[in-house]
Amino acid sequence: MTSRQHTQSRIDSLMESITNTAIGFVVSLVTWFFVARAYGIQMTWFTNISITMIFTVVSIIRQYVLRRLFDGRSPWQWLKQRVA
Protein backbone atom coordinates (compact mmCIF):
# COMPACT_ATOMS: atom_id res chain seq x y z
CA MET A 1 0.00 0.00 0.00
CA THR A 2 1.49 3.33 -1.03
CA SER A 3 0.93 6.58 0.76
CA ARG A 4 0.08 9.51 -1.47
CA GLN A 5 0.69 12.91 0.02
CA HIS A 6 -1.94 15.41 -0.99
CA THR A 7 -0.77 19.01 -0.90
CA GLN A 8 -2.29 22.24 -2.05
CA SER A 9 -0.59 25.09 -3.79
CA ARG A 10 -0.55 28.41 -1.98
CA ILE A 11 -3.19 29.84 -4.28
CA ASP A 12 -5.41 26.77 -3.71
CA SER A 13 -5.04 27.26 0.05
CA LEU A 14 -5.97 30.91 -0.29
CA MET A 15 -8.97 30.16 -2.51
CA GLU A 16 -10.21 27.50 -0.08
CA SER A 17 -9.89 29.96 2.81
CA ILE A 18 -11.73 32.70 0.93
CA THR A 19 -14.55 30.37 -0.16
CA ASN A 20 -14.98 28.94 3.33
CA THR A 21 -14.93 32.39 4.88
CA ALA A 22 -17.36 33.85 2.31
CA ILE A 23 -19.88 31.17 3.23
CA GLY A 24 -19.23 31.91 6.90
CA PHE A 25 -19.73 35.63 6.23
CA VAL A 26 -23.23 35.07 4.83
CA VAL A 27 -24.13 32.68 7.65
CA SER A 28 -22.83 35.23 10.18
CA LEU A 29 -24.90 38.09 8.73
CA VAL A 30 -28.09 36.04 8.78
CA THR A 31 -27.37 34.67 12.26
CA TRP A 32 -26.56 38.12 13.63
CA PHE A 33 -29.86 39.46 12.28
CA PHE A 34 -31.81 36.97 14.40
CA VAL A 35 -29.52 37.14 17.45
CA ALA A 36 -29.62 40.95 17.53
CA ARG A 37 -33.43 40.93 17.36
CA ALA A 38 -33.66 38.27 20.08
CA TYR A 39 -31.50 40.39 22.43
CA GLY A 40 -32.95 43.76 21.43
CA ILE A 41 -29.66 45.06 20.03
CA GLN A 42 -30.06 47.98 17.64
CA MET A 43 -27.50 48.08 14.82
CA THR A 44 -27.63 49.30 11.23
CA TRP A 45 -26.86 46.91 8.38
CA PHE A 46 -23.84 49.03 7.48
CA THR A 47 -22.39 48.67 10.99
CA ASN A 48 -23.17 44.94 11.02
CA ILE A 49 -21.47 44.42 7.66
CA SER A 50 -18.46 46.56 8.68
CA ILE A 51 -17.84 44.60 11.88
CA THR A 52 -18.38 41.27 10.12
CA MET A 53 -15.87 42.29 7.40
CA ILE A 54 -13.16 42.91 10.02
CA PHE A 55 -13.65 39.43 11.45
CA THR A 56 -13.81 37.99 7.92
CA VAL A 57 -10.39 39.38 6.98
CA VAL A 58 -8.92 38.03 10.22
CA SER A 59 -10.50 34.64 9.51
CA ILE A 60 -9.06 34.45 5.98
CA ILE A 61 -5.57 35.23 7.27
CA ARG A 62 -5.91 32.70 10.11
CA GLN A 63 -7.13 29.92 7.82
CA TYR A 64 -4.46 30.57 5.22
CA VAL A 65 -1.61 30.56 7.74
CA LEU A 66 -2.82 27.38 9.43
CA ARG A 67 -3.32 25.63 6.09
CA ARG A 68 0.20 26.51 4.99
CA LEU A 69 1.69 25.40 8.32
CA PHE A 70 -0.01 22.03 8.28
CA ASP A 71 -0.20 21.34 4.54
CA GLY A 72 0.70 17.73 3.93
CA ARG A 73 1.63 17.09 7.56
CA SER A 74 -0.22 16.37 10.73
CA PRO A 75 0.06 19.04 13.42
CA TRP A 76 2.04 16.58 15.57
CA GLN A 77 4.65 16.04 12.86
CA TRP A 78 5.00 19.79 12.46
CA LEU A 79 5.42 20.29 16.22
CA LYS A 80 7.99 17.47 16.49
CA GLN A 81 10.08 19.08 13.74
CA ARG A 82 10.00 22.46 15.52
CA VAL A 83 10.87 21.04 18.95
CA ALA A 84 13.61 18.65 17.82
PDB file of N, CA and C in Angstrom:
ATOM      1  N   MET A   1       0.842  -1.180   0.000  1.00  0.00           N
ATOM      2  CA  MET A   1       0.000   0.000   0.000  1.00  0.00           C
ATOM      3  C   MET A   1       0.890   1.248   0.000  1.00  0.00           C
ATOM      4  N   THR A   2       0.674   2.124  -0.942  1.00  0.00           N
ATOM      5  CA  THR A   2       1.488   3.326  -1.035  1.00  0.00           C
ATOM      6  C   THR A   2       0.740   4.503  -0.429  1.00  0.00           C
ATOM      7  N   SER A   3       1.492   5.379   0.163  1.00  0.00           N
ATOM      8  CA  SER A   3       0.930   6.581   0.760  1.00  0.00           C
ATOM      9  C   SER A   3       1.108   7.735  -0.217  1.00  0.00           C
ATOM     10  N   ARG A   4       0.017   8.380  -0.556  1.00  0.00           N
ATOM     11  CA  ARG A   4       0.082   9.511  -1.469  1.00  0.00           C
ATOM     12  C   ARG A   4      -0.162  10.797  -0.693  1.00  0.00           C
ATOM     13  N   GLN A   5       0.813  11.650  -0.707  1.00  0.00           N
ATOM     14  CA  GLN A   5       0.692  12.905   0.020  1.00  0.00           C
ATOM     15  C   GLN A   5      -0.066  13.911  -0.842  1.00  0.00           C
ATOM     16  N   HIS A   6      -1.119  14.454  -0.270  1.00  0.00           N
ATOM     17  CA  HIS A   6      -1.940  15.415  -0.988  1.00  0.00           C
ATOM     18  C   HIS A   6      -1.616  16.808  -0.456  1.00  0.00           C
ATOM     19  N   THR A   7      -1.091  17.649  -1.311  1.00  0.00           N
ATOM     20  CA  THR A   7      -0.775  19.008  -0.900  1.00  0.00           C
ATOM     21  C   THR A   7      -1.482  19.997  -1.810  1.00  0.00           C
ATOM     22  N   GLN A   8      -1.684  21.164  -1.282  1.00  0.00           N
ATOM     23  CA  GLN A   8      -2.295  22.240  -2.047  1.00  0.00           C
ATOM     24  C   GLN A   8      -1.243  23.288  -2.367  1.00  0.00           C
ATOM     25  N   SER A   9      -1.453  23.947  -3.494  1.00  0.00           N
ATOM     26  CA  SER A   9      -0.590  25.087  -3.794  1.00  0.00           C
ATOM     27  C   SER A   9      -1.017  26.239  -2.885  1.00  0.00           C
ATOM     28  N   ARG A  10      -0.211  27.251  -2.817  1.00  0.00           N
ATOM     29  CA  ARG A  10      -0.550  28.406  -1.977  1.00  0.00           C
ATOM     30  C   ARG A  10      -1.823  29.088  -2.456  1.00  0.00           C
ATOM     31  N   ILE A  11      -1.978  29.184  -3.757  1.00  0.00           N
ATOM     32  CA  ILE A  11      -3.189  29.838  -4.283  1.00  0.00           C
ATOM     33  C   ILE A  11      -4.424  28.983  -3.987  1.00  0.00           C
ATOM     34  N   ASP A  12      -4.286  27.644  -4.061  1.00  0.00           N
ATOM     35  CA  ASP A  12      -5.409  26.768  -3.711  1.00  0.00           C
ATOM     36  C   ASP A  12      -5.782  26.930  -2.236  1.00  0.00           C
ATOM     37  N   SER A  13      -4.784  27.045  -1.372  1.00  0.00           N
ATOM     38  CA  SER A  13      -5.038  27.258   0.051  1.00  0.00           C
ATOM     39  C   SER A  13      -5.769  28.581   0.277  1.00  0.00           C
ATOM     40  N   LEU A  14      -5.327  29.613  -0.420  1.00  0.00           N
ATOM     41  CA  LEU A  14      -5.966  30.913  -0.294  1.00  0.00           C
ATOM     42  C   LEU A  14      -7.401  30.868  -0.799  1.00  0.00           C
ATOM     43  N   MET A  15      -7.623  30.239  -1.954  1.00  0.00           N
ATOM     44  CA  MET A  15      -8.975  30.156  -2.513  1.00  0.00           C
ATOM     45  C   MET A  15      -9.905  29.361  -1.601  1.00  0.00           C
ATOM     46  N   GLU A  16      -9.399  28.283  -1.017  1.00  0.00           N
ATOM     47  CA  GLU A  16     -10.207  27.496  -0.077  1.00  0.00           C
ATOM     48  C   GLU A  16     -10.588  28.349   1.128  1.00  0.00           C
ATOM     49  N   SER A  17      -9.625  29.098   1.652  1.00  0.00           N
ATOM     50  CA  SER A  17      -9.886  29.956   2.806  1.00  0.00           C
ATOM     51  C   SER A  17     -10.913  31.033   2.485  1.00  0.00           C
ATOM     52  N   ILE A  18     -10.790  31.645   1.327  1.00  0.00           N
ATOM     53  CA  ILE A  18     -11.728  32.698   0.933  1.00  0.00           C
ATOM     54  C   ILE A  18     -13.132  32.131   0.737  1.00  0.00           C
ATOM     55  N   THR A  19     -13.242  30.985   0.067  1.00  0.00           N
ATOM     56  CA  THR A  19     -14.551  30.366  -0.160  1.00  0.00           C
ATOM     57  C   THR A  19     -15.216  29.997   1.161  1.00  0.00           C
ATOM     58  N   ASN A  20     -14.460  29.344   2.024  1.00  0.00           N
ATOM     59  CA  ASN A  20     -14.982  28.938   3.326  1.00  0.00           C
ATOM     60  C   ASN A  20     -15.420  30.157   4.130  1.00  0.00           C
ATOM     61  N   THR A  21     -14.624  31.195   4.111  1.00  0.00           N
ATOM     62  CA  THR A  21     -14.931  32.390   4.880  1.00  0.00           C
ATOM     63  C   THR A  21     -16.101  33.161   4.273  1.00  0.00           C
ATOM     64  N   ALA A  22     -16.229  33.172   2.956  1.00  0.00           N
ATOM     65  CA  ALA A  22     -17.361  33.848   2.309  1.00  0.00           C
ATOM     66  C   ALA A  22     -18.677  33.198   2.727  1.00  0.00           C
ATOM     67  N   ILE A  23     -18.681  31.880   2.778  1.00  0.00           N
ATOM     68  CA  ILE A  23     -19.884  31.175   3.233  1.00  0.00           C
ATOM     69  C   ILE A  23     -20.151  31.523   4.694  1.00  0.00           C
ATOM     70  N   GLY A  24     -19.087  31.532   5.507  1.00  0.00           N
ATOM     71  CA  GLY A  24     -19.228  31.911   6.905  1.00  0.00           C
ATOM     72  C   GLY A  24     -19.722  33.333   7.076  1.00  0.00           C
ATOM     73  N   PHE A  25     -19.296  34.227   6.190  1.00  0.00           N
ATOM     74  CA  PHE A  25     -19.731  35.628   6.227  1.00  0.00           C
ATOM     75  C   PHE A  25     -21.245  35.727   6.063  1.00  0.00           C
ATOM     76  N   VAL A  26     -21.775  35.038   5.074  1.00  0.00           N
ATOM     77  CA  VAL A  26     -23.226  35.069   4.826  1.00  0.00           C
ATOM     78  C   VAL A  26     -23.981  34.461   6.009  1.00  0.00           C
ATOM     79  N   VAL A  27     -23.491  33.329   6.499  1.00  0.00           N
ATOM     80  CA  VAL A  27     -24.126  32.684   7.650  1.00  0.00           C
ATOM     81  C   VAL A  27     -24.092  33.621   8.857  1.00  0.00           C
ATOM     82  N   SER A  28     -22.970  34.305   9.058  1.00  0.00           N
ATOM     83  CA  SER A  28     -22.829  35.230  10.180  1.00  0.00           C
ATOM     84  C   SER A  28     -23.813  36.393  10.080  1.00  0.00           C
ATOM     85  N   LEU A  29     -23.959  36.965   8.896  1.00  0.00           N
ATOM     86  CA  LEU A  29     -24.898  38.088   8.734  1.00  0.00           C
ATOM     87  C   LEU A  29     -26.328  37.675   9.057  1.00  0.00           C
ATOM     88  N   VAL A  30     -26.727  36.524   8.535  1.00  0.00           N
ATOM     89  CA  VAL A  30     -28.092  36.044   8.780  1.00  0.00           C
ATOM     90  C   VAL A  30     -28.278  35.713  10.265  1.00  0.00           C
ATOM     91  N   THR A  31     -27.286  35.034  10.845  1.00  0.00           N
ATOM     92  CA  THR A  31     -27.370  34.672  12.261  1.00  0.00           C
ATOM     93  C   THR A  31     -27.442  35.920  13.124  1.00  0.00           C
ATOM     94  N   TRP A  32     -26.576  36.898  12.844  1.00  0.00           N
ATOM     95  CA  TRP A  32     -26.558  38.120  13.632  1.00  0.00           C
ATOM     96  C   TRP A  32     -27.896  38.852  13.572  1.00  0.00           C
ATOM     97  N   PHE A  33     -28.550  38.825  12.418  1.00  0.00           N
ATOM     98  CA  PHE A  33     -29.858  39.465  12.278  1.00  0.00           C
ATOM     99  C   PHE A  33     -30.832  38.916  13.319  1.00  0.00           C
ATOM    100  N   PHE A  34     -30.878  37.587  13.456  1.00  0.00           N
ATOM    101  CA  PHE A  34     -31.809  36.966  14.399  1.00  0.00           C
ATOM    102  C   PHE A  34     -31.336  37.099  15.850  1.00  0.00           C
ATOM    103  N   VAL A  35     -30.048  37.006  16.089  1.00  0.00           N
ATOM    104  CA  VAL A  35     -29.523  37.141  17.450  1.00  0.00           C
ATOM    105  C   VAL A  35     -29.743  38.571  17.956  1.00  0.00           C
ATOM    106  N   ALA A  36     -29.441  39.557  17.131  1.00  0.00           N
ATOM    107  CA  ALA A  36     -29.620  40.953  17.533  1.00  0.00           C
ATOM    108  C   ALA A  36     -31.083  41.234  17.872  1.00  0.00           C
ATOM    109  N   ARG A  37     -31.996  40.726  17.079  1.00  0.00           N
ATOM    110  CA  ARG A  37     -33.426  40.926  17.357  1.00  0.00           C
ATOM    111  C   ARG A  37     -33.829  40.247  18.661  1.00  0.00           C
ATOM    112  N   ALA A  38     -33.311  39.026  18.877  1.00  0.00           N
ATOM    113  CA  ALA A  38     -33.664  38.271  20.082  1.00  0.00           C
ATOM    114  C   ALA A  38     -33.189  38.985  21.351  1.00  0.00           C
ATOM    115  N   TYR A  39     -32.059  39.688  21.272  1.00  0.00           N
ATOM    116  CA  TYR A  39     -31.502  40.387  22.428  1.00  0.00           C
ATOM    117  C   TYR A  39     -31.805  41.885  22.442  1.00  0.00           C
ATOM    118  N   GLY A  40     -32.570  42.350  21.465  1.00  0.00           N
ATOM    119  CA  GLY A  40     -32.953  43.760  21.428  1.00  0.00           C
ATOM    120  C   GLY A  40     -31.810  44.709  21.117  1.00  0.00           C
ATOM    121  N   ILE A  41     -30.803  44.229  20.380  1.00  0.00           N
ATOM    122  CA  ILE A  41     -29.658  45.055  20.026  1.00  0.00           C
ATOM    123  C   ILE A  41     -29.969  45.827  18.746  1.00  0.00           C
ATOM    124  N   GLN A  42     -29.812  47.141  18.805  1.00  0.00           N
ATOM    125  CA  GLN A  42     -30.057  47.980  17.640  1.00  0.00           C
ATOM    126  C   GLN A  42     -28.739  48.223  16.902  1.00  0.00           C
ATOM    127  N   MET A  43     -28.699  47.874  15.625  1.00  0.00           N
ATOM    128  CA  MET A  43     -27.495  48.084  14.825  1.00  0.00           C
ATOM    129  C   MET A  43     -27.916  48.199  13.359  1.00  0.00           C
ATOM    130  N   THR A  44     -27.316  49.157  12.650  1.00  0.00           N
ATOM    131  CA  THR A  44     -27.631  49.300  11.232  1.00  0.00           C
ATOM    132  C   THR A  44     -26.962  48.174  10.441  1.00  0.00           C
ATOM    133  N   TRP A  45     -27.474  47.925   9.239  1.00  0.00           N
ATOM    134  CA  TRP A  45     -26.862  46.911   8.385  1.00  0.00           C
ATOM    135  C   TRP A  45     -25.436  47.297   8.029  1.00  0.00           C
ATOM    136  N   PHE A  46     -25.190  48.580   7.813  1.00  0.00           N
ATOM    137  CA  PHE A  46     -23.838  49.027   7.482  1.00  0.00           C
ATOM    138  C   PHE A  46     -22.856  48.700   8.610  1.00  0.00           C
ATOM    139  N   THR A  47     -23.245  48.979   9.846  1.00  0.00           N
ATOM    140  CA  THR A  47     -22.388  48.668  10.993  1.00  0.00           C
ATOM    141  C   THR A  47     -22.187  47.170  11.111  1.00  0.00           C
ATOM    142  N   ASN A  48     -23.248  46.403  10.952  1.00  0.00           N
ATOM    143  CA  ASN A  48     -23.173  44.944  11.018  1.00  0.00           C
ATOM    144  C   ASN A  48     -22.200  44.403   9.972  1.00  0.00           C
ATOM    145  N   ILE A  49     -22.335  44.874   8.751  1.00  0.00           N
ATOM    146  CA  ILE A  49     -21.466  44.415   7.662  1.00  0.00           C
ATOM    147  C   ILE A  49     -20.018  44.844   7.919  1.00  0.00           C
ATOM    148  N   SER A  50     -19.818  46.059   8.407  1.00  0.00           N
ATOM    149  CA  SER A  50     -18.459  46.555   8.680  1.00  0.00           C
ATOM    150  C   SER A  50     -17.752  45.693   9.722  1.00  0.00           C
ATOM    151  N   ILE A  51     -18.427  45.420  10.818  1.00  0.00           N
ATOM    152  CA  ILE A  51     -17.836  44.597  11.879  1.00  0.00           C
ATOM    153  C   ILE A  51     -17.579  43.185  11.377  1.00  0.00           C
ATOM    154  N   THR A  52     -18.538  42.626  10.650  1.00  0.00           N
ATOM    155  CA  THR A  52     -18.377  41.272  10.119  1.00  0.00           C
ATOM    156  C   THR A  52     -17.216  41.204   9.136  1.00  0.00           C
ATOM    157  N   MET A  53     -16.997  42.259   8.341  1.00  0.00           N
ATOM    158  CA  MET A  53     -15.873  42.288   7.399  1.00  0.00           C
ATOM    159  C   MET A  53     -14.523  42.241   8.128  1.00  0.00           C
ATOM    160  N   ILE A  54     -14.417  42.941   9.246  1.00  0.00           N
ATOM    161  CA  ILE A  54     -13.165  42.906  10.015  1.00  0.00           C
ATOM    162  C   ILE A  54     -12.866  41.481  10.445  1.00  0.00           C
ATOM    163  N   PHE A  55     -13.855  40.805  11.014  1.00  0.00           N
ATOM    164  CA  PHE A  55     -13.653  39.427  11.448  1.00  0.00           C
ATOM    165  C   PHE A  55     -13.428  38.487  10.265  1.00  0.00           C
ATOM    166  N   THR A  56     -14.004  38.808   9.122  1.00  0.00           N
ATOM    167  CA  THR A  56     -13.812  37.988   7.925  1.00  0.00           C
ATOM    168  C   THR A  56     -12.359  38.049   7.452  1.00  0.00           C
ATOM    169  N   VAL A  57     -11.792  39.232   7.403  1.00  0.00           N
ATOM    170  CA  VAL A  57     -10.388  39.383   6.983  1.00  0.00           C
ATOM    171  C   VAL A  57      -9.468  38.627   7.943  1.00  0.00           C
ATOM    172  N   VAL A  58      -9.715  38.759   9.236  1.00  0.00           N
ATOM    173  CA  VAL A  58      -8.919  38.033  10.224  1.00  0.00           C
ATOM    174  C   VAL A  58      -9.063  36.525  10.017  1.00  0.00           C
ATOM    175  N   SER A  59     -10.253  36.063   9.724  1.00  0.00           N
ATOM    176  CA  SER A  59     -10.499  34.638   9.509  1.00  0.00           C
ATOM    177  C   SER A  59      -9.768  34.109   8.278  1.00  0.00           C
ATOM    178  N   ILE A  60      -9.764  34.869   7.194  1.00  0.00           N
ATOM    179  CA  ILE A  60      -9.056  34.452   5.977  1.00  0.00           C
ATOM    180  C   ILE A  60      -7.561  34.308   6.270  1.00  0.00           C
ATOM    181  N   ILE A  61      -6.995  35.277   6.947  1.00  0.00           N
ATOM    182  CA  ILE A  61      -5.568  35.226   7.273  1.00  0.00           C
ATOM    183  C   ILE A  61      -5.278  34.025   8.173  1.00  0.00           C
ATOM    184  N   ARG A  62      -6.098  33.818   9.191  1.00  0.00           N
ATOM    185  CA  ARG A  62      -5.913  32.699  10.113  1.00  0.00           C
ATOM    186  C   ARG A  62      -5.976  31.362   9.390  1.00  0.00           C
ATOM    187  N   GLN A  63      -6.992  31.171   8.557  1.00  0.00           N
ATOM    188  CA  GLN A  63      -7.132  29.917   7.817  1.00  0.00           C
ATOM    189  C   GLN A  63      -5.967  29.682   6.871  1.00  0.00           C
ATOM    190  N   TYR A  64      -5.552  30.704   6.172  1.00  0.00           N
ATOM    191  CA  TYR A  64      -4.459  30.572   5.218  1.00  0.00           C
ATOM    192  C   TYR A  64      -3.163  30.176   5.922  1.00  0.00           C
ATOM    193  N   VAL A  65      -2.842  30.865   7.011  1.00  0.00           N
ATOM    194  CA  VAL A  65      -1.610  30.561   7.744  1.00  0.00           C
ATOM    195  C   VAL A  65      -1.640  29.143   8.293  1.00  0.00           C
ATOM    196  N   LEU A  66      -2.736  28.742   8.902  1.00  0.00           N
ATOM    197  CA  LEU A  66      -2.823  27.382   9.434  1.00  0.00           C
ATOM    198  C   LEU A  66      -2.723  26.331   8.334  1.00  0.00           C
ATOM    199  N   ARG A  67      -3.374  26.581   7.205  1.00  0.00           N
ATOM    200  CA  ARG A  67      -3.325  25.632   6.088  1.00  0.00           C
ATOM    201  C   ARG A  67      -1.894  25.478   5.593  1.00  0.00           C
ATOM    202  N   ARG A  68      -1.189  26.580   5.462  1.00  0.00           N
ATOM    203  CA  ARG A  68       0.201  26.513   4.988  1.00  0.00           C
ATOM    204  C   ARG A  68       1.101  25.813   6.001  1.00  0.00           C
ATOM    205  N   LEU A  69       0.867  26.050   7.290  1.00  0.00           N
ATOM    206  CA  LEU A  69       1.686  25.401   8.320  1.00  0.00           C
ATOM    207  C   LEU A  69       1.513  23.889   8.323  1.00  0.00           C
ATOM    208  N   PHE A  70       0.280  23.449   8.139  1.00  0.00           N
ATOM    209  CA  PHE A  70      -0.012  22.025   8.284  1.00  0.00           C
ATOM    210  C   PHE A  70      -0.205  21.301   6.957  1.00  0.00           C
ATOM    211  N   ASP A  71       0.017  21.958   5.846  1.00  0.00           N
ATOM    212  CA  ASP A  71      -0.205  21.344   4.538  1.00  0.00           C
ATOM    213  C   ASP A  71       0.664  20.097   4.363  1.00  0.00           C
ATOM    214  N   GLY A  72      -0.009  18.977   4.191  1.00  0.00           N
ATOM    215  CA  GLY A  72       0.696  17.727   3.933  1.00  0.00           C
ATOM    216  C   GLY A  72       1.289  17.072   5.165  1.00  0.00           C
ATOM    217  N   ARG A  73       1.081  17.647   6.329  1.00  0.00           N
ATOM    218  CA  ARG A  73       1.625  17.089   7.559  1.00  0.00           C
ATOM    219  C   ARG A  73       0.566  17.158   8.652  1.00  0.00           C
ATOM    220  N   SER A  74       0.661  16.246   9.582  1.00  0.00           N
ATOM    221  CA  SER A  74      -0.217  16.367  10.735  1.00  0.00           C
ATOM    222  C   SER A  74       0.360  17.437  11.654  1.00  0.00           C
ATOM    223  N   PRO A  75      -0.461  18.044  12.477  1.00  0.00           N
ATOM    224  CA  PRO A  75       0.062  19.042  13.418  1.00  0.00           C
ATOM    225  C   PRO A  75       1.144  18.462  14.317  1.00  0.00           C
ATOM    226  N   TRP A  76       1.055  17.193  14.678  1.00  0.00           N
ATOM    227  CA  TRP A  76       2.044  16.582  15.572  1.00  0.00           C
ATOM    228  C   TRP A  76       3.397  16.452  14.877  1.00  0.00           C
ATOM    229  N   GLN A  77       3.389  16.109  13.599  1.00  0.00           N
ATOM    230  CA  GLN A  77       4.654  16.036  12.861  1.00  0.00           C
ATOM    231  C   GLN A  77       5.294  17.418  12.795  1.00  0.00           C
ATOM    232  N   TRP A  78       4.510  18.427  12.541  1.00  0.00           N
ATOM    233  CA  TRP A  78       5.005  19.790  12.465  1.00  0.00           C
ATOM    234  C   TRP A  78       5.613  20.215  13.801  1.00  0.00           C
ATOM    235  N   LEU A  79       4.915  19.909  14.907  1.00  0.00           N
ATOM    236  CA  LEU A  79       5.418  20.288  16.221  1.00  0.00           C
ATOM    237  C   LEU A  79       6.708  19.530  16.564  1.00  0.00           C
ATOM    238  N   LYS A  80       6.783  18.251  16.221  1.00  0.00           N
ATOM    239  CA  LYS A  80       7.986  17.469  16.485  1.00  0.00           C
ATOM    240  C   LYS A  80       9.188  18.065  15.755  1.00  0.00           C
ATOM    241  N   GLN A  81       8.990  18.501  14.517  1.00  0.00           N
ATOM    242  CA  GLN A  81      10.081  19.084  13.738  1.00  0.00           C
ATOM    243  C   GLN A  81      10.547  20.408  14.369  1.00  0.00           C
ATOM    244  N   ARG A  82       9.657  21.167  14.923  1.00  0.00           N
ATOM    245  CA  ARG A  82       9.998  22.455  15.518  1.00  0.00           C
ATOM    246  C   ARG A  82      10.700  22.286  16.869  1.00  0.00           C
ATOM    247  N   VAL A  83      10.312  21.255  17.618  1.00  0.00           N
ATOM    248  CA  VAL A  83      10.868  21.037  18.948  1.00  0.00           C
ATOM    249  C   VAL A  83      12.226  20.355  18.867  1.00  0.00           C
ATOM    250  N   ALA A  84      12.375  19.432  17.920  1.00  0.00           N
ATOM    251  CA  ALA A  84      13.613  18.645  17.822  1.00  0.00           C
ATOM    252  C   ALA A  84      14.790  19.452  17.364  1.00  0.00           C
TER     253      ALA A  84
END
